[in-house]
N, C-alpha and C. Protein backbone atom coordinates (compact mmCIF):
# COMPACT_ATOMS: atom_id res chain seq x y z
N MET A 1 200.90 88.37 -2.44
CA MET A 1 202.09 89.11 -1.66
C MET A 1 203.63 88.27 -3.22
N ALA A 2 204.36 89.11 -2.64
CA ALA A 2 205.24 89.47 -3.75
C ALA A 2 206.70 88.74 -3.43
N LYS A 3 207.20 87.53 -4.73
CA LYS A 3 208.23 86.77 -4.38
C LYS A 3 209.77 87.20 -3.74
N GLU A 4 210.75 86.91 -3.17
CA GLU A 4 211.50 87.26 -2.79
C GLU A 4 211.95 87.64 -4.33
N THR A 5 212.49 88.43 -3.85
CA THR A 5 213.73 88.49 -4.97
C THR A 5 215.21 87.70 -4.91
N LEU A 6 216.23 87.17 -5.21
CA LEU A 6 217.64 86.65 -5.21
C LEU A 6 218.40 88.44 -4.36
N LEU A 7 217.82 89.26 -4.75
CA LEU A 7 219.11 90.53 -4.28
C LEU A 7 218.48 90.74 -2.94
N SER A 8 217.58 90.65 -2.77
CA SER A 8 217.02 91.33 -1.43
C SER A 8 216.56 89.63 -0.25
N ARG A 9 217.43 88.52 -0.81
CA ARG A 9 217.92 87.94 0.03
C ARG A 9 218.76 87.65 0.66
N LEU A 10 219.04 88.01 -0.73
CA LEU A 10 221.08 88.01 -0.66
C LEU A 10 221.07 89.30 0.85
N ARG A 11 220.23 90.79 0.62
CA ARG A 11 220.70 91.57 1.65
C ARG A 11 220.65 91.07 2.55
N SER A 12 219.40 90.25 3.05
CA SER A 12 218.59 89.89 4.66
C SER A 12 220.10 89.12 5.08
N LYS A 13 220.68 88.35 4.21
CA LYS A 13 221.42 87.65 5.25
C LYS A 13 223.17 87.85 4.56
N SER A 14 223.94 87.81 5.20
CA SER A 14 224.98 87.72 5.17
C SER A 14 226.29 86.43 4.73
N THR A 15 225.76 86.42 3.17
CA THR A 15 226.27 85.41 2.89
C THR A 15 227.62 86.14 1.61
N ASP A 16 228.17 85.31 1.05
CA ASP A 16 229.69 84.76 0.16
C ASP A 16 228.92 85.52 -1.26
N VAL A 17 228.74 86.84 -0.89
CA VAL A 17 228.60 87.14 -3.02
C VAL A 17 229.32 86.51 -3.96
N SER A 18 230.62 86.71 -3.76
CA SER A 18 231.24 85.90 -4.87
C SER A 18 231.16 84.17 -5.52
N ASP A 19 231.37 83.74 -3.89
CA ASP A 19 230.90 81.85 -3.67
C ASP A 19 228.85 82.15 -5.35
N GLU A 20 228.06 83.04 -4.74
CA GLU A 20 226.62 82.53 -5.23
C GLU A 20 227.06 82.59 -6.68
N GLU A 21 228.25 84.04 -6.71
CA GLU A 21 227.77 84.69 -8.52
C GLU A 21 229.09 82.98 -8.55
N GLY A 22 229.63 82.81 -8.37
CA GLY A 22 230.41 81.54 -9.32
C GLY A 22 229.52 80.33 -9.20
N LYS A 23 228.67 80.67 -8.24
CA LYS A 23 228.06 78.67 -8.81
C LYS A 23 226.32 79.62 -9.79
N LEU A 24 226.87 80.91 -10.29
CA LEU A 24 225.75 81.36 -10.99
C LEU A 24 226.53 81.50 -12.75
N ARG A 25 227.61 82.11 -12.77
CA ARG A 25 228.84 81.79 -13.58
C ARG A 25 228.66 80.66 -14.82
N LYS A 26 228.89 79.03 -13.63
CA LYS A 26 228.05 77.89 -13.59
C LYS A 26 227.37 77.61 -14.31
N GLU A 27 225.91 77.91 -13.66
CA GLU A 27 224.90 77.30 -14.09
C GLU A 27 224.81 78.18 -15.73
N LEU A 28 225.25 79.29 -15.28
CA LEU A 28 225.03 79.94 -17.04
C LEU A 28 226.28 78.89 -17.95
N MET A 29 227.36 79.29 -17.64
CA MET A 29 227.54 77.60 -18.38
C MET A 29 227.59 76.86 -18.83
N GLU A 30 226.50 76.14 -18.61
CA GLU A 30 226.11 75.13 -18.04
C GLU A 30 224.56 75.42 -19.34
N LEU A 31 223.84 76.68 -19.53
CA LEU A 31 222.93 76.45 -19.95
C LEU A 31 222.24 76.25 -21.24
N ARG A 32 224.27 77.65 -21.39
CA ARG A 32 225.12 78.14 -23.01
C ARG A 32 225.11 76.42 -23.75
N VAL A 33 226.20 76.03 -23.07
CA VAL A 33 225.95 75.07 -23.22
C VAL A 33 224.73 73.72 -24.40
N GLN A 34 224.18 73.56 -23.32
CA GLN A 34 223.04 73.09 -23.97
C GLN A 34 222.08 73.98 -24.86
N HIS A 35 222.33 75.00 -24.72
CA HIS A 35 221.25 75.28 -25.71
C HIS A 35 222.98 75.34 -27.43
N SER A 36 223.38 75.17 -27.96
CA SER A 36 224.19 75.31 -28.03
C SER A 36 223.78 74.44 -29.16
N SER A 37 223.76 73.08 -28.32
CA SER A 37 223.44 71.72 -28.39
C SER A 37 222.37 71.58 -29.25
N GLY A 38 220.90 72.68 -28.70
CA GLY A 38 220.21 72.52 -28.48
C GLY A 38 219.17 70.83 -27.87
N GLN A 39 219.90 71.13 -27.19
CA GLN A 39 219.03 70.65 -25.64
C GLN A 39 218.26 71.05 -24.85
N LEU A 40 218.46 72.26 -25.10
CA LEU A 40 217.81 73.12 -23.99
C LEU A 40 216.38 74.10 -24.36
N LYS A 41 215.35 73.41 -23.54
CA LYS A 41 214.49 74.14 -24.58
C LYS A 41 213.85 75.58 -23.04
N GLU A 42 214.53 75.53 -21.90
CA GLU A 42 214.23 76.31 -20.48
C GLU A 42 215.09 77.89 -21.29
N THR A 43 214.96 78.54 -23.09
CA THR A 43 215.78 79.17 -23.37
C THR A 43 215.34 80.52 -21.86
N HIS A 44 214.93 80.49 -21.51
CA HIS A 44 214.96 81.88 -21.17
C HIS A 44 215.26 82.34 -18.57
N LYS A 45 215.74 81.05 -19.17
CA LYS A 45 216.69 80.22 -18.14
C LYS A 45 218.35 80.75 -18.46
N ILE A 46 218.60 81.29 -19.50
CA ILE A 46 220.02 82.09 -20.06
C ILE A 46 219.51 83.61 -19.00
N ARG A 47 218.33 84.42 -19.92
CA ARG A 47 218.58 85.70 -19.42
C ARG A 47 218.02 85.95 -17.52
N GLU A 48 217.62 84.95 -17.22
CA GLU A 48 217.25 84.67 -15.82
C GLU A 48 218.69 85.07 -14.85
N ILE A 49 219.41 83.74 -15.63
CA ILE A 49 220.71 83.67 -14.63
C ILE A 49 221.67 85.09 -14.31
N ARG A 50 221.91 85.79 -15.87
CA ARG A 50 222.72 86.64 -16.30
C ARG A 50 221.82 87.61 -15.23
N LYS A 51 221.42 88.02 -15.33
CA LYS A 51 220.06 88.68 -14.15
C LYS A 51 220.66 88.75 -12.84
N SER A 52 220.47 87.63 -12.76
CA SER A 52 220.48 88.13 -11.16
C SER A 52 222.47 87.59 -11.04
N ILE A 53 222.94 87.41 -12.07
CA ILE A 53 224.49 88.41 -12.14
C ILE A 53 224.57 89.14 -11.75
N ALA A 54 223.51 89.73 -12.46
CA ALA A 54 223.27 91.27 -12.32
C ALA A 54 223.27 92.28 -11.01
N GLN A 55 222.50 91.08 -10.42
CA GLN A 55 221.84 92.05 -9.62
C GLN A 55 223.31 91.38 -7.90
N LEU A 56 224.00 90.85 -8.80
CA LEU A 56 224.88 90.46 -7.41
C LEU A 56 226.32 91.21 -7.54
N LYS A 57 226.37 91.37 -8.59
CA LYS A 57 227.01 92.43 -8.68
C LYS A 57 226.59 93.56 -8.16
N THR A 58 225.36 94.48 -8.35
CA THR A 58 225.22 94.87 -8.30
C THR A 58 225.58 95.74 -6.14
N LEU A 59 225.18 94.16 -6.14
CA LEU A 59 225.62 94.03 -4.64
C LEU A 59 226.68 94.56 -3.78
N ASN A 60 227.36 93.55 -5.18
CA ASN A 60 228.83 93.72 -4.34
C ASN A 60 229.19 95.41 -4.27
N ASN A 61 229.06 96.42 -5.74
CA ASN A 61 229.29 97.07 -5.26
C ASN A 61 228.77 97.74 -4.56
N GLU A 62 227.15 98.69 -4.24
CA GLU A 62 227.20 99.14 -3.38
C GLU A 62 227.43 98.35 -1.53
N VAL A 63 227.89 96.84 -1.79
CA VAL A 63 228.43 97.23 -0.16
C VAL A 63 230.03 97.21 -0.35
N LYS A 64 230.08 97.66 -1.08
CA LYS A 64 232.66 98.15 -2.17
C LYS A 64 232.05 99.71 -0.81
N GLU A 65 231.09 100.43 -1.66
CA GLU A 65 230.50 101.64 -2.17
C GLU A 65 230.47 102.16 -0.49
N GLU A 66 229.92 100.83 0.86
CA GLU A 66 229.10 101.39 1.90
C GLU A 66 230.67 101.66 3.06
N ILE A 67 231.30 100.77 2.27
CA ILE A 67 233.47 101.01 2.90
C ILE A 67 233.55 101.43 2.30
N LYS A 68 233.98 101.87 2.07
CA LYS A 68 234.85 103.58 1.03
C LYS A 68 234.22 104.53 1.47
N ASP A 69 232.73 105.01 1.85
CA ASP A 69 231.48 105.50 2.34
C ASP A 69 231.52 105.36 4.08
N ASP A 70 232.36 104.58 4.38
CA ASP A 70 233.07 104.49 6.15
C ASP A 70 234.00 104.85 5.89
N ARG A 71 234.96 104.96 4.88
CA ARG A 71 235.85 105.19 5.47
C ARG A 71 237.09 106.74 5.69
N ASN A 72 235.65 107.79 5.07
CA ASN A 72 236.26 108.84 4.76
C ASN A 72 235.21 110.31 5.71
């Protein structure tokens, strides 16, 4: 069975996307600081967090488009 992605998990739940994005941005900043100081061994996590932020933005835009379409 395929692993559930962040995007599909957030679509099924009614959580606040901006809170989740804030948490990911904070984690990304911490990873970048670790990477710049040479302490980060798992550099792939930076890419994963950036991807998750992009997915959240996509979800947020989809919701905005639905609201916009419903008004018309």
